């Protein structure tokens, strides 16, 4: 059981290291890094490679932002098989809507609790 935690930590850490290298070495902006990692997760899922990564690494592959791209593509492909073109649009939001809603809700609540540090 301990090896599951180690594997998850290493894979999740490697994904984060890739993101950090994109910041430091490639001098990418946070927005470019975020989009690149989401698209990478989508591409990996499109080729059927992200689910085996999740099976191998568990939460090490489901927690980083690449998993959001995986979820978008996975939902779109699954619903496209059932409903055609309209399923591509509805499938993406069906799978990710709860996470997006939670981020909006908790961000709204945090805006009342915390104060910004400076003039932005």
N, C-alpha and C. Protein backbone atom coordinates (compact mmCIF):
# COMPACT_ATOMS: atom_id res chain seq x y z
N UNK A 1 0.83 -1.20 0.00
CA UNK A 1 0.00 0.00 0.00
C UNK A 1 0.87 1.25 0.00
N UNK A 2 1.98 1.20 0.66
CA UNK A 2 2.87 2.36 0.72
C UNK A 2 3.40 2.73 -0.66
N UNK A 3 3.60 1.71 -1.52
CA UNK A 3 4.12 1.98 -2.87
C UNK A 3 3.12 2.76 -3.71
N UNK A 4 1.81 2.62 -3.43
CA UNK A 4 0.79 3.39 -4.14
C UNK A 4 0.99 4.87 -3.86
N UNK A 5 1.26 5.21 -2.61
CA UNK A 5 1.48 6.61 -2.24
C UNK A 5 2.74 7.17 -2.88
N UNK A 6 3.78 6.37 -2.90
CA UNK A 6 5.04 6.80 -3.51
C UNK A 6 4.86 7.03 -5.01
N UNK A 7 4.21 6.09 -5.69
CA UNK A 7 3.97 6.22 -7.13
C UNK A 7 3.13 7.46 -7.43
N UNK A 8 2.09 7.66 -6.66
CA UNK A 8 1.23 8.82 -6.84
C UNK A 8 2.00 10.12 -6.64
N UNK A 9 2.80 10.15 -5.60
CA UNK A 9 3.61 11.34 -5.31
C UNK A 9 4.60 11.63 -6.43
N UNK A 10 5.26 10.60 -6.93
CA UNK A 10 6.27 10.79 -7.97
C UNK A 10 5.64 11.27 -9.28
N UNK A 11 4.55 10.63 -9.69
CA UNK A 11 3.91 11.02 -10.96
C UNK A 11 3.32 12.43 -10.85
N UNK A 12 2.61 12.70 -9.77
CA UNK A 12 2.07 14.05 -9.58
C UNK A 12 3.17 15.09 -9.49
N UNK A 13 4.25 14.73 -8.82
CA UNK A 13 5.39 15.65 -8.71
C UNK A 13 6.05 15.90 -10.05
N UNK A 14 6.16 14.86 -10.88
CA UNK A 14 6.76 15.04 -12.21
C UNK A 14 5.91 15.96 -13.09
N UNK A 15 4.59 15.83 -12.98
CA UNK A 15 3.72 16.74 -13.74
C UNK A 15 3.93 18.17 -13.27
N UNK A 16 4.05 18.36 -11.96
CA UNK A 16 4.30 19.70 -11.43
C UNK A 16 5.68 20.22 -11.81
N UNK A 17 6.68 19.34 -11.85
CA UNK A 17 8.02 19.74 -12.27
C UNK A 17 7.99 20.21 -13.73
N UNK A 18 7.25 19.51 -14.57
CA UNK A 18 7.12 19.94 -15.96
C UNK A 18 6.53 21.34 -16.03
N UNK A 19 5.48 21.58 -15.25
CA UNK A 19 4.88 22.92 -15.21
C UNK A 19 5.86 23.97 -14.71
N UNK A 20 6.64 23.64 -13.68
CA UNK A 20 7.62 24.60 -13.15
C UNK A 20 8.72 24.88 -14.16
N UNK A 21 9.16 23.85 -14.88
CA UNK A 21 10.17 24.06 -15.92
C UNK A 21 9.63 24.94 -17.05
N UNK A 22 8.35 24.82 -17.32
CA UNK A 22 7.75 25.69 -18.33
C UNK A 22 7.81 27.15 -17.89
N UNK A 23 7.63 27.38 -16.59
CA UNK A 23 7.77 28.74 -16.05
C UNK A 23 9.22 29.23 -16.12
N UNK A 24 10.12 28.43 -15.54
CA UNK A 24 11.49 28.86 -15.32
C UNK A 24 12.38 28.80 -16.56
N UNK A 25 12.33 27.70 -17.28
CA UNK A 25 13.23 27.52 -18.42
C UNK A 25 12.64 28.11 -19.70
N UNK A 26 11.39 27.79 -19.98
CA UNK A 26 10.77 28.25 -21.21
C UNK A 26 10.22 29.67 -21.07
N UNK A 27 10.21 30.20 -19.84
CA UNK A 27 9.71 31.55 -19.56
C UNK A 27 8.27 31.75 -20.04
N UNK A 28 7.46 30.70 -19.89
CA UNK A 28 6.05 30.79 -20.28
C UNK A 28 5.27 31.49 -19.17
N UNK A 29 4.22 32.18 -19.56
CA UNK A 29 3.35 32.83 -18.58
C UNK A 29 2.49 31.76 -17.91
N UNK A 30 1.90 32.08 -16.75
CA UNK A 30 1.01 31.10 -16.11
C UNK A 30 -0.14 30.67 -17.03
N UNK A 31 -0.69 31.59 -17.79
CA UNK A 31 -1.80 31.25 -18.69
C UNK A 31 -1.35 30.27 -19.78
N UNK A 32 -0.17 30.52 -20.35
CA UNK A 32 0.34 29.61 -21.38
C UNK A 32 0.65 28.23 -20.80
N UNK A 33 1.19 28.21 -19.60
CA UNK A 33 1.51 26.93 -18.95
C UNK A 33 0.24 26.16 -18.65
N UNK A 34 -0.75 26.85 -18.11
CA UNK A 34 -2.03 26.21 -17.80
C UNK A 34 -2.66 25.62 -19.05
N UNK A 35 -2.74 26.40 -20.10
CA UNK A 35 -3.35 25.92 -21.34
C UNK A 35 -2.57 24.76 -21.94
N UNK A 36 -1.26 24.82 -21.89
CA UNK A 36 -0.43 23.75 -22.44
C UNK A 36 -0.65 22.44 -21.68
N UNK A 37 -0.73 22.51 -20.36
CA UNK A 37 -0.94 21.30 -19.57
C UNK A 37 -2.34 20.72 -19.77
N UNK A 38 -3.35 21.58 -19.89
CA UNK A 38 -4.71 21.10 -20.15
C UNK A 38 -4.78 20.43 -21.52
N UNK A 39 -4.17 21.05 -22.53
CA UNK A 39 -4.17 20.47 -23.87
C UNK A 39 -3.37 19.16 -23.88
N UNK A 40 -2.28 19.10 -23.14
CA UNK A 40 -1.50 17.86 -23.06
C UNK A 40 -2.35 16.73 -22.47
N UNK A 41 -3.11 17.03 -21.43
CA UNK A 41 -4.01 16.02 -20.85
C UNK A 41 -5.08 15.59 -21.83
N UNK A 42 -5.59 16.53 -22.63
CA UNK A 42 -6.59 16.21 -23.64
C UNK A 42 -6.01 15.32 -24.73
N UNK A 43 -4.82 15.65 -25.18
CA UNK A 43 -4.17 14.85 -26.23
C UNK A 43 -3.87 13.44 -25.72
N UNK A 44 -3.37 13.34 -24.51
CA UNK A 44 -3.09 12.02 -23.95
C UNK A 44 -4.36 11.19 -23.84
N UNK A 45 -5.47 11.81 -23.46
CA UNK A 45 -6.73 11.07 -23.38
C UNK A 45 -7.23 10.71 -24.77
N UNK A 46 -7.06 11.60 -25.73
CA UNK A 46 -7.47 11.31 -27.09
C UNK A 46 -6.78 10.09 -27.67
N UNK A 47 -5.54 9.88 -27.30
CA UNK A 47 -4.78 8.71 -27.75
C UNK A 47 -4.94 7.52 -26.82
N UNK A 48 -5.76 7.68 -25.77
CA UNK A 48 -6.00 6.57 -24.85
C UNK A 48 -4.87 6.31 -23.87
N UNK A 49 -4.05 7.32 -23.60
CA UNK A 49 -2.90 7.13 -22.72
C UNK A 49 -3.11 7.66 -21.30
N UNK A 50 -4.12 8.49 -21.09
CA UNK A 50 -4.28 9.08 -19.76
C UNK A 50 -4.94 8.12 -18.77
N UNK A 51 -5.89 7.31 -19.23
CA UNK A 51 -6.53 6.35 -18.32
C UNK A 51 -5.52 5.33 -17.77
N UNK A 52 -4.61 4.78 -18.60
CA UNK A 52 -3.58 3.90 -18.01
C UNK A 52 -2.69 4.63 -17.01
N UNK A 53 -2.44 5.92 -17.25
CA UNK A 53 -1.66 6.72 -16.29
C UNK A 53 -2.41 6.85 -14.97
N UNK A 54 -3.72 7.06 -15.04
CA UNK A 54 -4.53 7.14 -13.82
C UNK A 54 -4.53 5.79 -13.11
N UNK A 55 -4.65 4.70 -13.87
CA UNK A 55 -4.62 3.37 -13.25
C UNK A 55 -3.28 3.12 -12.55
N UNK A 56 -2.20 3.64 -13.13
CA UNK A 56 -0.87 3.44 -12.56
C UNK A 56 -0.61 4.36 -11.37
N UNK A 57 -0.96 5.65 -11.51
CA UNK A 57 -0.57 6.64 -10.51
C UNK A 57 -1.69 7.09 -9.59
N UNK A 58 -2.91 6.76 -9.87
CA UNK A 58 -4.03 7.17 -9.01
C UNK A 58 -4.17 8.68 -8.94
N UNK A 59 -4.21 9.20 -7.72
CA UNK A 59 -4.42 10.64 -7.55
C UNK A 59 -3.24 11.46 -8.05
N UNK A 60 -2.10 10.86 -8.24
CA UNK A 60 -0.97 11.58 -8.81
C UNK A 60 -1.24 12.04 -10.23
N UNK A 61 -2.19 11.38 -10.89
CA UNK A 61 -2.57 11.77 -12.25
C UNK A 61 -3.92 12.48 -12.29
N UNK A 62 -4.74 12.36 -11.24
CA UNK A 62 -6.06 12.99 -11.26
C UNK A 62 -6.09 14.37 -10.61
N UNK A 63 -5.12 14.70 -9.79
CA UNK A 63 -5.13 15.99 -9.12
C UNK A 63 -4.55 17.13 -9.98
N UNK A 64 -3.44 16.94 -10.70
CA UNK A 64 -2.89 18.06 -11.49
C UNK A 64 -3.84 18.52 -12.60
N UNK A 65 -3.57 19.68 -13.14
CA UNK A 65 -4.44 20.31 -14.14
C UNK A 65 -4.55 19.50 -15.42
N UNK A 66 -3.61 18.62 -15.69
CA UNK A 66 -3.71 17.78 -16.88
C UNK A 66 -4.95 16.90 -16.82
N UNK A 67 -5.40 16.59 -15.63
CA UNK A 67 -6.60 15.77 -15.47
C UNK A 67 -7.85 16.51 -15.93
N UNK A 68 -7.85 17.84 -15.86
CA UNK A 68 -8.99 18.61 -16.35
C UNK A 68 -9.12 18.45 -17.86
N UNK A 69 -8.01 18.49 -18.57
CA UNK A 69 -8.04 18.25 -20.01
C UNK A 69 -8.50 16.84 -20.31
N UNK A 70 -8.05 15.88 -19.51
CA UNK A 70 -8.49 14.50 -19.65
C UNK A 70 -9.99 14.40 -19.47
N UNK A 71 -10.53 15.05 -18.45
CA UNK A 71 -11.96 14.97 -18.17
C UNK A 71 -12.78 15.60 -19.30
N UNK A 72 -12.31 16.74 -19.81
CA UNK A 72 -13.03 17.38 -20.92
C UNK A 72 -13.10 16.46 -22.14
N UNK A 73 -11.97 15.92 -22.53
CA UNK A 73 -11.91 15.07 -23.71
C UNK A 73 -12.65 13.75 -23.48
N UNK A 74 -12.48 13.18 -22.30
CA UNK A 74 -13.12 11.91 -22.00
C UNK A 74 -14.64 12.05 -22.06
N UNK A 75 -15.16 13.10 -21.46
CA UNK A 75 -16.61 13.35 -21.49
C UNK A 75 -17.11 13.62 -22.90
N UNK A 76 -16.36 14.40 -23.65
CA UNK A 76 -16.77 14.74 -25.02
C UNK A 76 -16.79 13.50 -25.90
N UNK A 77 -15.78 12.65 -25.79
CA UNK A 77 -15.73 11.45 -26.63
C UNK A 77 -16.82 10.45 -26.24
N UNK A 78 -17.06 10.31 -24.94
CA UNK A 78 -18.09 9.37 -24.48
C UNK A 78 -19.47 9.80 -24.95
N UNK A 79 -19.79 11.06 -24.83
CA UNK A 79 -21.11 11.55 -25.25
C UNK A 79 -21.23 11.65 -26.77
N UNK A 80 -20.13 11.86 -27.45
CA UNK A 80 -20.17 11.90 -28.92
C UNK A 80 -20.56 10.54 -29.49
N UNK A 81 -20.14 9.47 -28.85
CA UNK A 81 -20.53 8.14 -29.29
C UNK A 81 -22.03 7.92 -29.13
N UNK A 82 -22.63 8.49 -28.08
CA UNK A 82 -24.05 8.30 -27.82
C UNK A 82 -24.94 9.26 -28.63
N UNK A 83 -24.55 10.55 -28.67
CA UNK A 83 -25.44 11.58 -29.20
C UNK A 83 -24.90 12.33 -30.41
N UNK A 84 -23.75 11.96 -30.89
CA UNK A 84 -23.19 12.64 -32.06
C UNK A 84 -22.56 13.97 -31.71
N UNK A 85 -22.65 14.92 -32.63
CA UNK A 85 -21.98 16.21 -32.48
C UNK A 85 -22.43 16.98 -31.24
N UNK A 86 -23.71 16.97 -30.95
CA UNK A 86 -24.19 17.69 -29.77
C UNK A 86 -23.62 17.08 -28.49
N UNK A 87 -23.31 15.80 -28.52
CA UNK A 87 -22.72 15.13 -27.36
C UNK A 87 -21.33 15.63 -27.04
N UNK A 88 -20.61 16.12 -28.06
CA UNK A 88 -19.28 16.68 -27.83
C UNK A 88 -19.39 17.88 -26.89
N UNK A 89 -20.36 18.74 -27.13
CA UNK A 89 -20.53 19.94 -26.29
C UNK A 89 -21.08 19.60 -24.91
N UNK A 90 -22.10 18.75 -24.87
CA UNK A 90 -22.71 18.45 -23.57
C UNK A 90 -21.84 17.55 -22.73
N UNK A 91 -21.06 16.67 -23.35
CA UNK A 91 -20.22 15.75 -22.60
C UNK A 91 -19.12 16.43 -21.81
N UNK A 92 -18.55 17.47 -22.41
CA UNK A 92 -17.48 18.20 -21.71
C UNK A 92 -17.99 18.79 -20.41
N UNK A 93 -19.17 19.38 -20.45
CA UNK A 93 -19.68 20.08 -19.29
C UNK A 93 -20.35 19.14 -18.30
N UNK A 94 -20.84 18.01 -18.78
CA UNK A 94 -21.45 17.04 -17.89
C UNK A 94 -20.44 16.48 -16.90
N UNK A 95 -19.24 16.22 -17.37
CA UNK A 95 -18.20 15.62 -16.52
C UNK A 95 -17.55 16.65 -15.61
N UNK A 96 -17.36 17.87 -16.09
CA UNK A 96 -16.58 18.87 -15.34
C UNK A 96 -17.41 19.92 -14.62
N UNK A 97 -18.73 19.89 -14.77
CA UNK A 97 -19.56 20.96 -14.22
C UNK A 97 -19.48 21.06 -12.70
N UNK A 98 -19.40 19.96 -12.00
CA UNK A 98 -19.35 20.04 -10.54
C UNK A 98 -18.06 20.68 -10.06
N UNK A 99 -16.93 20.37 -10.70
CA UNK A 99 -15.66 20.99 -10.33
C UNK A 99 -15.62 22.47 -10.64
N UNK A 100 -16.14 22.85 -11.79
CA UNK A 100 -16.18 24.26 -12.16
C UNK A 100 -17.10 25.02 -11.21
N UNK A 101 -18.26 24.45 -10.90
CA UNK A 101 -19.20 25.10 -9.98
C UNK A 101 -18.60 25.27 -8.59
N UNK A 102 -17.89 24.25 -8.12
CA UNK A 102 -17.25 24.34 -6.80
C UNK A 102 -16.18 25.42 -6.79
N UNK A 103 -15.38 25.52 -7.87
CA UNK A 103 -14.34 26.55 -7.93
C UNK A 103 -14.96 27.95 -7.89
N UNK A 104 -16.05 28.15 -8.60
CA UNK A 104 -16.72 29.46 -8.60
C UNK A 104 -17.29 29.77 -7.22
N UNK A 105 -17.97 28.80 -6.63
CA UNK A 105 -18.59 29.01 -5.32
C UNK A 105 -17.55 29.30 -4.24
N UNK A 106 -16.49 28.48 -4.16
CA UNK A 106 -15.49 28.69 -3.12
C UNK A 106 -14.67 29.95 -3.37
N UNK A 107 -14.45 30.29 -4.63
CA UNK A 107 -13.78 31.56 -4.94
C UNK A 107 -14.60 32.75 -4.49
N UNK A 108 -15.91 32.66 -4.68
CA UNK A 108 -16.82 33.73 -4.25
C UNK A 108 -16.81 33.87 -2.73
N UNK A 109 -16.87 32.74 -2.03
CA UNK A 109 -16.84 32.77 -0.57
C UNK A 109 -15.51 33.32 -0.07
N UNK A 110 -14.40 32.90 -0.69
CA UNK A 110 -13.07 33.37 -0.27
C UNK A 110 -12.93 34.87 -0.51
N UNK A 111 -13.62 35.42 -1.50
CA UNK A 111 -13.51 36.85 -1.77
C UNK A 111 -14.09 37.68 -0.63
N UNK A 112 -15.01 37.12 0.13
CA UNK A 112 -15.56 37.83 1.27
C UNK A 112 -14.69 37.68 2.51
N UNK A 113 -13.95 36.60 2.61
CA UNK A 113 -13.16 36.30 3.80
C UNK A 113 -11.79 36.98 3.75
N UNK A 114 -11.12 36.95 2.59
CA UNK A 114 -9.77 37.44 2.48
C UNK A 114 -9.71 38.77 1.76
N UNK A 115 -8.72 39.57 2.11
CA UNK A 115 -8.54 40.87 1.48
C UNK A 115 -7.31 40.83 0.56
N UNK A 116 -7.35 41.53 -0.57
CA UNK A 116 -6.18 41.54 -1.45
C UNK A 116 -5.01 42.25 -0.79
N UNK A 117 -3.79 41.87 -1.19
CA UNK A 117 -2.58 42.42 -0.57
C UNK A 117 -2.22 43.81 -1.08
N UNK A 118 -2.57 44.15 -2.28
CA UNK A 118 -2.15 45.44 -2.80
C UNK A 118 -3.11 45.94 -3.86
N UNK A 119 -2.73 47.04 -4.45
CA UNK A 119 -3.53 47.60 -5.54
C UNK A 119 -3.26 46.83 -6.81
N UNK A 120 -4.25 46.15 -7.28
CA UNK A 120 -4.08 45.37 -8.50
C UNK A 120 -4.87 46.03 -9.62
